């Protein structure tokens, strides 16, 4: 595996050093624990960092009165720690703050090692908690933008769709193709990666309520499922008919207009007209012609579903690729 220092590693290193330094300068005991809190609170996204910070602060704050109750009420003994955790951990889980269990254990051990309870001790631990979590939140305010990478995924996926449609056109016109189909497996992988990145990017925008990129890639994923169903239909055609050439011309035009905008309604109307044109043609004269035309009708139906998916989900909001940004319309 290639050695690489990522931005999260850099943030963790810098944040840990600063939190320890600040806690030390404030004269706090156990100041190194502020660094542990910072390490635990730096997450991959802003939203997750905020949730984790709250969980850890809540758990640490509750750990102090719990420690006072058990240690002063029963005694400063290792067994008491185990007994206390039997009650403390379920309560933290019940409060939906499980991420705080580890950090609160650090506070519990500080109080245990001190062998006494005082307001000074509580304020010291609260200071350590505040410094460690605050530094982590400040450090995590910077998250690199994923817009450029998401647009790259968008362009690659649309490019692959165009190649796939062009290969279908070629097969419908010529009845053969030397295509290796690598765009199929590549598109499946790109869609998975793009959705994951879109979700992470959404988590880094606290005030954003809609994840337009994720919706876009979900649409492409549903369309890709139809493409996977269509390919066997195309390759099963044993002869070329005039209807096949009409469908090929339609697919060729569609391949030239694969983009984030919503123009699906235009092609749905064209498909409706194509289907009506097929119905007005002479009936098939042979069994082979009948089977080919039936397959072509199934292909037309699948392509109609392909277009409906986009038009139904993009009623008012679509991703429009600008040279610098993404807009919602």
C-alpha atoms as a PDB file:
ATOM      1  CA  UNK A   1       0.000   0.000   0.000  1.00  0.00           C
ATOM      2  CA  UNK A   2       1.288   3.452  -0.944  1.00  0.00           C
ATOM      3  CA  UNK A   3       2.339   5.654   1.997  1.00  0.00           C
ATOM      4  CA  UNK A   4       0.218   8.795   2.090  1.00  0.00           C
ATOM      5  CA  UNK A   5      -0.476  11.538   4.608  1.00  0.00           C
ATOM      6  CA  UNK A   6      -4.078  12.680   4.199  1.00  0.00           C
ATOM      7  CA  UNK A   7      -5.690  15.939   5.289  1.00  0.00           C
ATOM      8  CA  UNK A   8      -7.462  14.198   8.194  1.00  0.00           C
ATOM      9  CA  UNK A   9      -4.116  12.919   9.489  1.00  0.00           C
ATOM     10  CA  UNK A  10      -2.670  16.422   9.311  1.00  0.00           C
ATOM     11  CA  UNK A  11      -5.700  17.878  11.104  1.00  0.00           C
ATOM     12  CA  UNK A  12      -5.464  15.225  13.824  1.00  0.00           C
ATOM     13  CA  UNK A  13      -1.758  15.863  14.399  1.00  0.00           C
ATOM     14  CA  UNK A  14      -2.111  19.651  14.476  1.00  0.00           C
ATOM     15  CA  UNK A  15      -5.297  19.595  16.577  1.00  0.00           C
ATOM     16  CA  UNK A  16      -3.847  17.187  19.153  1.00  0.00           C
ATOM     17  CA  UNK A  17      -0.729  19.301  19.626  1.00  0.00           C
ATOM     18  CA  UNK A  18      -2.742  22.520  19.982  1.00  0.00           C
ATOM     19  CA  UNK A  19      -5.274  21.097  22.436  1.00  0.00           C
ATOM     20  CA  UNK A  20      -2.521  19.726  24.698  1.00  0.00           C
ATOM     21  CA  UNK A  21      -0.651  23.024  24.491  1.00  0.00           C
ATOM     22  CA  UNK A  22      -3.754  25.080  25.335  1.00  0.00           C
ATOM     23  CA  UNK A  23      -4.729  22.803  28.249  1.00  0.00           C
ATOM     24  CA  UNK A  24      -1.171  22.968  29.559  1.00  0.00           C
ATOM     25  CA  UNK A  25      -1.051  26.767  29.303  1.00  0.00           C
ATOM     26  CA  UNK A  26      -4.350  26.960  31.218  1.00  0.00           C
ATOM     27  CA  UNK A  27      -2.717  25.022  34.033  1.00  0.00           C
ATOM     28  CA  UNK A  28      -5.084  22.056  33.810  1.00  0.00           C
ATOM     29  CA  UNK A  29      -4.145  18.742  35.377  1.00  0.00           C
ATOM     30  CA  UNK A  30      -4.159  15.711  33.066  1.00  0.00           C
ATOM     31  CA  UNK A  31      -3.782  18.187  30.177  1.00  0.00           C
ATOM     32  CA  UNK A  32      -2.623  15.414  27.803  1.00  0.00           C
ATOM     33  CA  UNK A  33      -6.160  13.981  27.890  1.00  0.00           C
ATOM     34  CA  UNK A  34      -7.325  17.031  25.913  1.00  0.00           C
ATOM     35  CA  UNK A  35      -5.304  15.621  23.030  1.00  0.00           C
ATOM     36  CA  UNK A  36      -7.066  12.261  23.336  1.00  0.00           C
ATOM     37  CA  UNK A  37     -10.442  14.002  23.133  1.00  0.00           C
ATOM     38  CA  UNK A  38      -9.338  15.903  20.025  1.00  0.00           C
ATOM     39  CA  UNK A  39      -8.194  12.706  18.311  1.00  0.00           C
ATOM     40  CA  UNK A  40     -11.518  10.998  19.056  1.00  0.00           C
ATOM     41  CA  UNK A  41     -13.653  13.962  17.938  1.00  0.00           C
ATOM     42  CA  UNK A  42     -12.047  14.606  14.540  1.00  0.00           C
ATOM     43  CA  UNK A  43     -14.290  12.774  12.073  1.00  0.00           C
ATOM     44  CA  UNK A  44     -14.539  12.451   8.300  1.00  0.00           C
ATOM     45  CA  UNK A  45     -17.461  14.903   8.036  1.00  0.00           C
ATOM     46  CA  UNK A  46     -18.643  18.042   9.821  1.00  0.00           C
ATOM     47  CA  UNK A  47     -22.037  16.623  10.773  1.00  0.00           C
ATOM     48  CA  UNK A  48     -20.479  13.482  12.202  1.00  0.00           C
ATOM     49  CA  UNK A  49     -17.931  15.575  14.081  1.00  0.00           C
ATOM     50  CA  UNK A  50     -20.709  17.655  15.689  1.00  0.00           C
ATOM     51  CA  UNK A  51     -22.667  14.548  16.692  1.00  0.00           C
ATOM     52  CA  UNK A  52     -19.551  12.893  18.114  1.00  0.00           C
ATOM     53  CA  UNK A  53     -18.550  16.036  20.009  1.00  0.00           C
ATOM     54  CA  UNK A  54     -21.981  16.293  21.633  1.00  0.00           C
ATOM     55  CA  UNK A  55     -22.004  12.582  22.533  1.00  0.00           C
ATOM     56  CA  UNK A  56     -18.581  12.838  24.163  1.00  0.00           C
ATOM     57  CA  UNK A  57     -19.363  16.055  26.026  1.00  0.00           C
ATOM     58  CA  UNK A  58     -22.627  14.634  27.384  1.00  0.00           C
ATOM     59  CA  UNK A  59     -21.005  11.358  28.453  1.00  0.00           C
ATOM     60  CA  UNK A  60     -18.047  13.117  30.109  1.00  0.00           C
ATOM     61  CA  UNK A  61     -20.319  15.558  31.935  1.00  0.00           C
ATOM     62  CA  UNK A  62     -22.442  12.672  33.279  1.00  0.00           C
ATOM     63  CA  UNK A  63     -19.334  10.687  34.243  1.00  0.00           C
ATOM     64  CA  UNK A  64     -18.428  13.221  36.940  1.00  0.00           C
ATOM     65  CA  UNK A  65     -21.596  12.978  39.120  1.00  0.00           C
ATOM     66  CA  UNK A  66     -21.648   9.209  38.539  1.00  0.00           C
ATOM     67  CA  UNK A  67     -18.065   8.971  39.786  1.00  0.00           C
ATOM     68  CA  UNK A  68     -18.881  11.089  42.846  1.00  0.00           C
ATOM     69  CA  UNK A  69     -21.881   8.897  43.656  1.00  0.00           C
ATOM     70  CA  UNK A  70     -20.112   5.541  43.336  1.00  0.00           C
ATOM     71  CA  UNK A  71     -16.611   6.383  44.559  1.00  0.00           C
ATOM     72  CA  UNK A  72     -17.713   8.460  47.526  1.00  0.00           C
ATOM     73  CA  UNK A  73     -20.673   6.209  48.270  1.00  0.00           C
ATOM     74  CA  UNK A  74     -18.918   2.828  47.953  1.00  0.00           C
ATOM     75  CA  UNK A  75     -15.187   3.430  47.771  1.00  0.00           C
ATOM     76  CA  UNK A  76     -12.182   3.936  45.509  1.00  0.00           C
ATOM     77  CA  UNK A  77     -11.670   0.349  44.403  1.00  0.00           C
ATOM     78  CA  UNK A  78     -11.233  -1.160  40.908  1.00  0.00           C
ATOM     79  CA  UNK A  79     -14.323  -3.330  41.420  1.00  0.00           C
ATOM     80  CA  UNK A  80     -16.381  -0.182  41.984  1.00  0.00           C
ATOM     81  CA  UNK A  81     -15.352   1.045  38.520  1.00  0.00           C
ATOM     82  CA  UNK A  82     -16.730  -2.155  36.995  1.00  0.00           C
ATOM     83  CA  UNK A  83     -19.979  -1.896  38.974  1.00  0.00           C
ATOM     84  CA  UNK A  84     -20.407   1.750  37.973  1.00  0.00           C
ATOM     85  CA  UNK A  85     -19.863   0.988  34.288  1.00  0.00           C
ATOM     86  CA  UNK A  86     -22.621  -1.665  34.480  1.00  0.00           C
ATOM     87  CA  UNK A  87     -25.061   1.170  35.150  1.00  0.00           C
ATOM     88  CA  UNK A  88     -23.323   4.047  33.366  1.00  0.00           C
ATOM     89  CA  UNK A  89     -22.876   2.491  29.891  1.00  0.00           C
ATOM     90  CA  UNK A  90     -26.570   1.452  29.457  1.00  0.00           C
ATOM     91  CA  UNK A  91     -27.655   4.972  30.425  1.00  0.00           C
ATOM     92  CA  UNK A  92     -25.285   6.526  27.870  1.00  0.00           C
ATOM     93  CA  UNK A  93     -26.579   4.139  25.195  1.00  0.00           C
ATOM     94  CA  UNK A  94     -30.153   4.968  26.198  1.00  0.00           C
ATOM     95  CA  UNK A  95     -29.322   8.663  25.728  1.00  0.00           C
ATOM     96  CA  UNK A  96     -28.057   7.761  22.230  1.00  0.00           C
ATOM     97  CA  UNK A  97     -24.499   8.870  22.966  1.00  0.00           C
ATOM     98  CA  UNK A  98     -22.528   5.586  22.644  1.00  0.00           C
ATOM     99  CA  UNK A  99     -19.510   7.372  21.148  1.00  0.00           C
ATOM    100  CA  UNK A 100     -18.947   9.012  24.514  1.00  0.00           C
ATOM    101  CA  UNK A 101     -18.279   5.808  26.453  1.00  0.00           C
ATOM    102  CA  UNK A 102     -14.540   5.714  25.736  1.00  0.00           C
ATOM    103  CA  UNK A 103     -13.859   9.381  26.508  1.00  0.00           C
ATOM    104  CA  UNK A 104     -15.991   9.371  29.647  1.00  0.00           C
ATOM    105  CA  UNK A 105     -13.961   6.397  30.874  1.00  0.00           C
ATOM    106  CA  UNK A 106     -10.881   8.640  30.775  1.00  0.00           C
ATOM    107  CA  UNK A 107     -12.631  11.166  33.072  1.00  0.00           C
ATOM    108  CA  UNK A 108     -13.760   8.374  35.403  1.00  0.00           C
ATOM    109  CA  UNK A 109     -10.185   7.111  35.709  1.00  0.00           C
ATOM    110  CA  UNK A 110      -8.906  10.636  36.408  1.00  0.00           C
ATOM    111  CA  UNK A 111     -11.303  10.948  39.337  1.00  0.00           C
ATOM    112  CA  UNK A 112     -10.464   7.440  40.511  1.00  0.00           C
ATOM    113  CA  UNK A 113      -6.738   8.212  40.504  1.00  0.00           C
ATOM    114  CA  UNK A 114      -7.346  11.492  42.394  1.00  0.00           C
ATOM    115  CA  UNK A 115      -9.052   9.570  45.240  1.00  0.00           C
ATOM    116  CA  UNK A 116     -11.136  12.591  46.176  1.00  0.00           C
ATOM    117  CA  UNK A 117     -14.031  14.672  44.909  1.00  0.00           C
ATOM    118  CA  UNK A 118     -13.939  18.460  44.801  1.00  0.00           C
ATOM    119  CA  UNK A 119     -15.308  21.325  42.751  1.00  0.00           C
ATOM    120  CA  UNK A 120     -11.756  22.109  41.650  1.00  0.00           C
ATOM    121  CA  UNK A 121     -11.409  18.596  40.250  1.00  0.00           C
ATOM    122  CA  UNK A 122     -14.735  18.855  38.417  1.00  0.00           C
ATOM    123  CA  UNK A 123     -13.843  22.248  36.908  1.00  0.00           C
ATOM    124  CA  UNK A 124     -10.450  20.866  35.847  1.00  0.00           C
ATOM    125  CA  UNK A 125     -12.030  17.895  34.068  1.00  0.00           C
ATOM    126  CA  UNK A 126     -14.638  20.169  32.475  1.00  0.00           C
ATOM    127  CA  UNK A 127     -11.803  22.373  31.197  1.00  0.00           C
ATOM    128  CA  UNK A 128      -9.984  19.376  29.687  1.00  0.00           C
ATOM    129  CA  UNK A 129     -13.201  18.243  28.001  1.00  0.00           C
ATOM    130  CA  UNK A 130     -13.998  21.716  26.646  1.00  0.00           C
ATOM    131  CA  UNK A 131     -10.502  22.328  25.268  1.00  0.00           C
ATOM    132  CA  UNK A 132     -10.223  18.913  23.591  1.00  0.00           C
ATOM    133  CA  UNK A 133     -13.665  19.021  21.958  1.00  0.00           C
ATOM    134  CA  UNK A 134     -13.517  22.719  20.985  1.00  0.00           C
ATOM    135  CA  UNK A 135     -10.168  22.356  19.213  1.00  0.00           C
ATOM    136  CA  UNK A 136     -11.492  19.320  17.317  1.00  0.00           C
ATOM    137  CA  UNK A 137     -14.574  21.243  16.168  1.00  0.00           C
ATOM    138  CA  UNK A 138     -12.499  24.239  15.053  1.00  0.00           C
ATOM    139  CA  UNK A 139     -10.035  22.027  13.178  1.00  0.00           C
ATOM    140  CA  UNK A 140     -12.896  20.165  11.521  1.00  0.00           C
ATOM    141  CA  UNK A 141     -14.421  23.352  10.123  1.00  0.00           C
ATOM    142  CA  UNK A 142     -12.160  22.884   7.103  1.00  0.00           C
ATOM    143  CA  UNK A 143     -13.263  20.168   4.738  1.00  0.00           C
ATOM    144  CA  UNK A 144     -12.031  20.088   1.137  1.00  0.00           C
ATOM    145  CA  UNK A 145     -14.787  20.582  -1.420  1.00  0.00           C
ATOM    146  CA  UNK A 146     -15.884  17.470  -3.295  1.00  0.00           C
ATOM    147  CA  UNK A 147     -17.672  19.367  -6.086  1.00  0.00           C
ATOM    148  CA  UNK A 148     -14.849  18.946  -8.590  1.00  0.00           C
ATOM    149  CA  UNK A 149     -14.583  15.208  -7.937  1.00  0.00           C
ATOM    150  CA  UNK A 150     -18.362  14.767  -8.099  1.00  0.00           C
ATOM    151  CA  UNK A 151     -18.489  16.547 -11.459  1.00  0.00           C
ATOM    152  CA  UNK A 152     -15.730  14.236 -12.682  1.00  0.00           C
ATOM    153  CA  UNK A 153     -17.812  11.219 -11.677  1.00  0.00           C
ATOM    154  CA  UNK A 154     -20.811  12.770 -13.383  1.00  0.00           C
ATOM    155  CA  UNK A 155     -18.922  13.277 -16.643  1.00  0.00           C
ATOM    156  CA  UNK A 156     -17.371   9.788 -16.584  1.00  0.00           C
ATOM    157  CA  UNK A 157     -20.726   8.105 -15.988  1.00  0.00           C
ATOM    158  CA  UNK A 158     -22.446  10.141 -18.698  1.00  0.00           C
ATOM    159  CA  UNK A 159     -19.529   9.360 -21.043  1.00  0.00           C
ATOM    160  CA  UNK A 160     -19.896   5.630 -20.357  1.00  0.00           C
ATOM    161  CA  UNK A 161     -23.643   5.791 -20.946  1.00  0.00           C
ATOM    162  CA  UNK A 162     -22.982   7.435 -24.300  1.00  0.00           C
ATOM    163  CA  UNK A 163     -20.521   4.691 -25.300  1.00  0.00           C
ATOM    164  CA  UNK A 164     -22.991   1.983 -24.276  1.00  0.00           C
ATOM    165  CA  UNK A 165     -25.776   3.554 -26.331  1.00  0.00           C
ATOM    166  CA  UNK A 166     -23.453   3.976 -29.312  1.00  0.00           C
ATOM    167  CA  UNK A 167     -22.557   0.292 -29.154  1.00  0.00           C
ATOM    168  CA  UNK A 168     -26.244  -0.637 -29.062  1.00  0.00           C
ATOM    169  CA  UNK A 169     -26.804   1.585 -32.099  1.00  0.00           C
ATOM    170  CA  UNK A 170     -23.959  -0.122 -33.912  1.00  0.00           C
ATOM    171  CA  UNK A 171     -25.380  -3.567 -33.170  1.00  0.00           C
ATOM    172  CA  UNK A 172     -28.877  -2.553 -34.278  1.00  0.00           C
ATOM    173  CA  UNK A 173     -27.526  -1.166 -37.560  1.00  0.00           C
ATOM    174  CA  UNK A 174     -24.875  -3.767 -38.395  1.00  0.00           C
ATOM    175  CA  UNK A 175     -25.956  -6.828 -36.416  1.00  0.00           C
ATOM    176  CA  UNK A 176     -22.522  -7.232 -34.836  1.00  0.00           C
ATOM    177  CA  UNK A 177     -20.103  -5.513 -32.470  1.00  0.00           C
ATOM    178  CA  UNK A 178     -16.581  -6.087 -31.137  1.00  0.00           C
ATOM    179  CA  UNK A 179     -17.281  -4.139 -27.943  1.00  0.00           C
ATOM    180  CA  UNK A 180     -15.719  -5.672 -24.807  1.00  0.00           C
ATOM    181  CA  UNK A 181     -18.344  -4.182 -22.449  1.00  0.00           C
ATOM    182  CA  UNK A 182     -15.845  -2.703 -19.972  1.00  0.00           C
ATOM    183  CA  UNK A 183     -18.010   0.407 -19.568  1.00  0.00           C
ATOM    184  CA  UNK A 184     -20.659  -1.748 -17.883  1.00  0.00           C
ATOM    185  CA  UNK A 185     -18.478  -2.877 -14.961  1.00  0.00           C
ATOM    186  CA  UNK A 186     -16.797   0.504 -14.831  1.00  0.00           C
ATOM    187  CA  UNK A 187     -20.133   2.348 -14.583  1.00  0.00           C
ATOM    188  CA  UNK A 188     -21.327   0.108 -11.744  1.00  0.00           C
ATOM    189  CA  UNK A 189     -18.152   0.877  -9.795  1.00  0.00           C
ATOM    190  CA  UNK A 190     -18.308   4.610 -10.560  1.00  0.00           C
ATOM    191  CA  UNK A 191     -21.926   4.839  -9.399  1.00  0.00           C
ATOM    192  CA  UNK A 192     -21.121   3.201  -6.053  1.00  0.00           C
ATOM    193  CA  UNK A 193     -18.129   5.469  -5.483  1.00  0.00           C
ATOM    194  CA  UNK A 194     -20.024   8.590  -6.560  1.00  0.00           C
ATOM    195  CA  UNK A 195     -22.942   7.904  -4.201  1.00  0.00           C
ATOM    196  CA  UNK A 196     -20.585   7.404  -1.265  1.00  0.00           C
ATOM    197  CA  UNK A 197     -18.759  10.646  -2.048  1.00  0.00           C
ATOM    198  CA  UNK A 198     -22.051  12.532  -2.486  1.00  0.00           C
ATOM    199  CA  UNK A 199     -23.226  11.365   0.945  1.00  0.00           C
ATOM    200  CA  UNK A 200     -19.930  12.406   2.523  1.00  0.00           C
ATOM    201  CA  UNK A 201     -20.105  15.800   0.822  1.00  0.00           C
ATOM    202  CA  UNK A 202     -23.661  16.285   2.107  1.00  0.00           C
ATOM    203  CA  UNK A 203     -22.452  15.510   5.638  1.00  0.00           C
ATOM    204  CA  UNK A 204     -19.916  18.329   5.269  1.00  0.00           C
ATOM    205  CA  UNK A 205     -22.609  20.948   4.589  1.00  0.00           C
ATOM    206  CA  UNK A 206     -24.451  21.421   7.858  1.00  0.00           C
ATOM    207  CA  UNK A 207     -27.065  23.868   6.536  1.00  0.00           C
ATOM    208  CA  UNK A 208     -27.731  21.998   3.293  1.00  0.00           C
ATOM    209  CA  UNK A 209     -31.102  20.216   3.366  1.00  0.00           C
ATOM    210  CA  UNK A 210     -31.021  18.508  -0.027  1.00  0.00           C
ATOM    211  CA  UNK A 211     -28.409  16.236  -1.511  1.00  0.00           C
ATOM    212  CA  UNK A 212     -28.815  16.978  -5.220  1.00  0.00           C
ATOM    213  CA  UNK A 213     -25.734  15.076  -6.311  1.00  0.00           C
ATOM    214  CA  UNK A 214     -26.851  11.933  -4.481  1.00  0.00           C
ATOM    215  CA  UNK A 215     -30.296  12.186  -6.095  1.00  0.00           C
ATOM    216  CA  UNK A 216     -28.632  12.576  -9.484  1.00  0.00           C
ATOM    217  CA  UNK A 217     -26.482   9.465  -9.048  1.00  0.00           C
ATOM    218  CA  UNK A 218     -29.480   7.492  -7.737  1.00  0.00           C
ATOM    219  CA  UNK A 219     -31.294   8.388 -10.949  1.00  0.00           C
ATOM    220  CA  UNK A 220     -28.325   7.242 -13.026  1.00  0.00           C
ATOM    221  CA  UNK A 221     -28.171   4.010 -11.010  1.00  0.00           C
ATOM    222  CA  UNK A 222     -31.826   3.239 -11.743  1.00  0.00           C
ATOM    223  CA  UNK A 223     -31.261   4.035 -15.413  1.00  0.00           C
ATOM    224  CA  UNK A 224     -28.183   1.818 -15.414  1.00  0.00           C
ATOM    225  CA  UNK A 225     -30.312  -1.087 -14.167  1.00  0.00           C
ATOM    226  CA  UNK A 226     -32.532  -0.607 -17.232  1.00  0.00           C
ATOM    227  CA  UNK A 227     -29.480  -0.466 -19.507  1.00  0.00           C
ATOM    228  CA  UNK A 228     -28.373  -3.822 -18.070  1.00  0.00           C
ATOM    229  CA  UNK A 229     -31.814  -5.257 -18.917  1.00  0.00           C
ATOM    230  CA  UNK A 230     -31.795  -3.735 -22.399  1.00  0.00           C
ATOM    231  CA  UNK A 231     -28.423  -5.091 -23.535  1.00  0.00           C
ATOM    232  CA  UNK A 232     -29.515  -8.759 -23.681  1.00  0.00           C
ATOM    233  CA  UNK A 233     -32.567  -7.684 -25.715  1.00  0.00           C
ATOM    234  CA  UNK A 234     -30.364  -5.903 -28.249  1.00  0.00           C
ATOM    235  CA  UNK A 235     -27.881  -8.779 -28.554  1.00  0.00           C
ATOM    236  CA  UNK A 236     -30.722 -11.296 -28.991  1.00  0.00           C
ATOM    237  CA  UNK A 237     -31.878  -9.678 -32.247  1.00  0.00           C
ATOM    238  CA  UNK A 238     -31.068 -12.065 -35.084  1.00  0.00           C
ATOM    239  CA  UNK A 239     -31.736  -9.758 -38.015  1.00  0.00           C
ATOM    240  CA  UNK A 240     -31.928  -6.076 -38.865  1.00  0.00           C
ATOM    241  CA  UNK A 241     -35.326  -4.596 -39.745  1.00  0.00           C
ATOM    242  CA  UNK A 242     -36.490  -1.099 -40.642  1.00  0.00           C
ATOM    243  CA  UNK A 243     -37.940  -0.841 -37.129  1.00  0.00           C
ATOM    244  CA  UNK A 244     -34.505  -1.629 -35.723  1.00  0.00           C
ATOM    245  CA  UNK A 245     -32.966   1.186 -37.728  1.00  0.00           C
ATOM    246  CA  UNK A 246     -35.620   3.590 -36.433  1.00  0.00           C
ATOM    247  CA  UNK A 247     -34.831   2.569 -32.846  1.00  0.00           C
ATOM    248  CA  UNK A 248     -31.118   2.873 -33.606  1.00  0.00           C
ATOM    249  CA  UNK A 249     -31.606   6.440 -34.867  1.00  0.00           C
ATOM    250  CA  UNK A 250     -33.499   7.283 -31.688  1.00  0.00           C
ATOM    251  CA  UNK A 251     -30.792   5.802 -29.441  1.00  0.00           C
ATOM    252  CA  UNK A 252     -28.116   7.621 -31.424  1.00  0.00           C
ATOM    253  CA  UNK A 253     -29.867  10.946 -30.849  1.00  0.00           C
ATOM    254  CA  UNK A 254     -30.380  10.102 -27.185  1.00  0.00           C
ATOM    255  CA  UNK A 255     -26.699   9.274 -26.749  1.00  0.00           C
ATOM    256  CA  UNK A 256     -25.778  12.748 -27.976  1.00  0.00           C
ATOM    257  CA  UNK A 257     -27.961  14.340 -25.306  1.00  0.00           C
ATOM    258  CA  UNK A 258     -26.958  12.611 -22.089  1.00  0.00           C
ATOM    259  CA  UNK A 259     -26.515  15.413 -19.568  1.00  0.00           C
ATOM    260  CA  UNK A 260     -27.765  16.472 -16.120  1.00  0.00           C
ATOM    261  CA  UNK A 261     -30.635  18.581 -17.441  1.00  0.00           C
ATOM    262  CA  UNK A 262     -34.196  17.327 -17.710  1.00  0.00           C
ATOM    263  CA  UNK A 263     -35.103  16.910 -21.389  1.00  0.00           C
ATOM    264  CA  UNK A 264     -36.616  13.461 -20.910  1.00  0.00           C
ATOM    265  CA  UNK A 265     -40.142  14.626 -21.834  1.00  0.00           C
ATOM    266  CA  UNK A 266     -38.948  15.407 -25.385  1.00  0.00           C
ATOM    267  CA  UNK A 267     -37.771  11.847 -25.953  1.00  0.00           C
ATOM    268  CA  UNK A 268     -40.806  10.324 -24.232  1.00  0.00           C
ATOM    269  CA  UNK A 269     -42.959  12.062 -26.855  1.00  0.00           C
ATOM    270  CA  UNK A 270     -40.689  10.718 -29.612  1.00  0.00           C
ATOM    271  CA  UNK A 271     -40.999   7.192 -28.223  1.00  0.00           C
ATOM    272  CA  UNK A 272     -44.776   7.541 -28.151  1.00  0.00           C
ATOM    273  CA  UNK A 273     -44.734   8.567 -31.800  1.00  0.00           C
ATOM    274  CA  UNK A 274     -42.356   5.718 -32.668  1.00  0.00           C
ATOM    275  CA  UNK A 275     -44.617   3.152 -31.025  1.00  0.00           C
ATOM    276  CA  UNK A 276     -47.620   4.497 -32.945  1.00  0.00           C
ATOM    277  CA  UNK A 277     -45.596   4.314 -36.186  1.00  0.00           C
ATOM    278  CA  UNK A 278     -44.740   0.646 -35.488  1.00  0.00           C
ATOM    279  CA  UNK A 279     -48.406  -0.167 -34.898  1.00  0.00           C
ATOM    280  CA  UNK A 280     -49.339   1.264 -38.311  1.00  0.00           C
ATOM    281  CA  UNK A 281     -46.740  -0.858 -40.156  1.00  0.00           C
ATOM    282  CA  UNK A 282     -47.530  -4.152 -41.867  1.00  0.00           C
ATOM    283  CA  UNK A 283     -47.785  -7.199 -39.655  1.00  0.00           C
ATOM    284  CA  UNK A 284     -44.718  -9.482 -39.551  1.00  0.00           C
ATOM    285  CA  UNK A 285     -44.646 -12.162 -42.252  1.00  0.00           C
ATOM    286  CA  UNK A 286     -42.350 -14.680 -40.565  1.00  0.00           C
ATOM    287  CA  UNK A 287     -41.826 -16.013 -37.055  1.00  0.00           C
ATOM    288  CA  UNK A 288     -38.311 -14.530 -36.942  1.00  0.00           C
ATOM    289  CA  UNK A 289     -39.600 -11.085 -37.927  1.00  0.00           C
ATOM    290  CA  UNK A 290     -42.332 -11.362 -35.290  1.00  0.00           C
ATOM    291  CA  UNK A 291     -39.786 -12.181 -32.563  1.00  0.00           C
ATOM    292  CA  UNK A 292     -37.457  -9.372 -33.608  1.00  0.00           C
ATOM    293  CA  UNK A 293     -40.255  -6.811 -33.650  1.00  0.00           C
ATOM    294  CA  UNK A 294     -41.499  -8.029 -30.267  1.00  0.00           C
ATOM    295  CA  UNK A 295     -38.004  -7.561 -28.872  1.00  0.00           C
ATOM    296  CA  UNK A 296     -37.828  -4.078 -30.370  1.00  0.00           C
ATOM    297  CA  UNK A 297     -41.156  -3.175 -28.735  1.00  0.00           C
ATOM    298  CA  UNK A 298     -39.810  -4.407 -25.412  1.00  0.00           C
ATOM    299  CA  UNK A 299     -36.717  -2.277 -25.997  1.00  0.00           C
ATOM    300  CA  UNK A 300     -38.910   0.764 -26.651  1.00  0.00           C
ATOM    301  CA  UNK A 301     -40.830   0.081 -23.421  1.00  0.00           C
ATOM    302  CA  UNK A 302     -37.603  -0.175 -21.410  1.00  0.00           C
ATOM    303  CA  UNK A 303     -36.302   3.069 -22.887  1.00  0.00           C
ATOM    304  CA  UNK A 304     -39.566   4.748 -21.989  1.00  0.00           C
ATOM    305  CA  UNK A 305     -39.056   3.623 -18.377  1.00  0.00           C
ATOM    306  CA  UNK A 306     -35.454   4.855 -18.592  1.00  0.00           C
ATOM    307  CA  UNK A 307     -36.676   8.348 -19.453  1.00  0.00           C
ATOM    308  CA  UNK A 308     -39.606   8.364 -17.008  1.00  0.00           C
ATOM    309  CA  UNK A 309     -37.225   7.705 -14.109  1.00  0.00           C
ATOM    310  CA  UNK A 310     -35.443  10.980 -14.745  1.00  0.00           C
ATOM    311  CA  UNK A 311     -38.522  13.061 -15.539  1.00  0.00           C
ATOM    312  CA  UNK A 312     -40.443  11.850 -12.471  1.00  0.00           C
ATOM    313  CA  UNK A 313     -37.622  12.561 -10.035  1.00  0.00           C
ATOM    314  CA  UNK A 314     -36.560  15.847 -11.611  1.00  0.00           C
ATOM    315  CA  UNK A 315     -39.788  17.772 -11.495  1.00  0.00           C
ATOM    316  CA  UNK A 316     -38.383  21.024 -10.091  1.00  0.00           C
ATOM    317  CA  UNK A 317     -34.838  20.268  -9.068  1.00  0.00           C
ATOM    318  CA  UNK A 318     -32.045  19.194 -11.365  1.00  0.00           C
ATOM    319  CA  UNK A 319     -28.316  19.452 -11.247  1.00  0.00           C
ATOM    320  CA  UNK A 320     -27.091  21.854 -13.887  1.00  0.00           C
ATOM    321  CA  UNK A 321     -23.405  21.742 -14.630  1.00  0.00           C
ATOM    322  CA  UNK A 322     -21.997  25.251 -14.590  1.00  0.00           C
ATOM    323  CA  UNK A 323     -18.344  25.964 -15.200  1.00  0.00           C
ATOM    324  CA  UNK A 324     -17.882  26.728 -11.517  1.00  0.00           C
ATOM    325  CA  UNK A 325     -20.878  25.527  -9.504  1.00  0.00           C
ATOM    326  CA  UNK A 326     -24.001  23.421  -9.203  1.00  0.00           C
ATOM    327  CA  UNK A 327     -27.391  25.101  -9.156  1.00  0.00           C
ATOM    328  CA  UNK A 328     -30.812  23.829  -8.148  1.00  0.00           C
ATOM    329  CA  UNK A 329     -33.748  24.593 -10.418  1.00  0.00           C
END
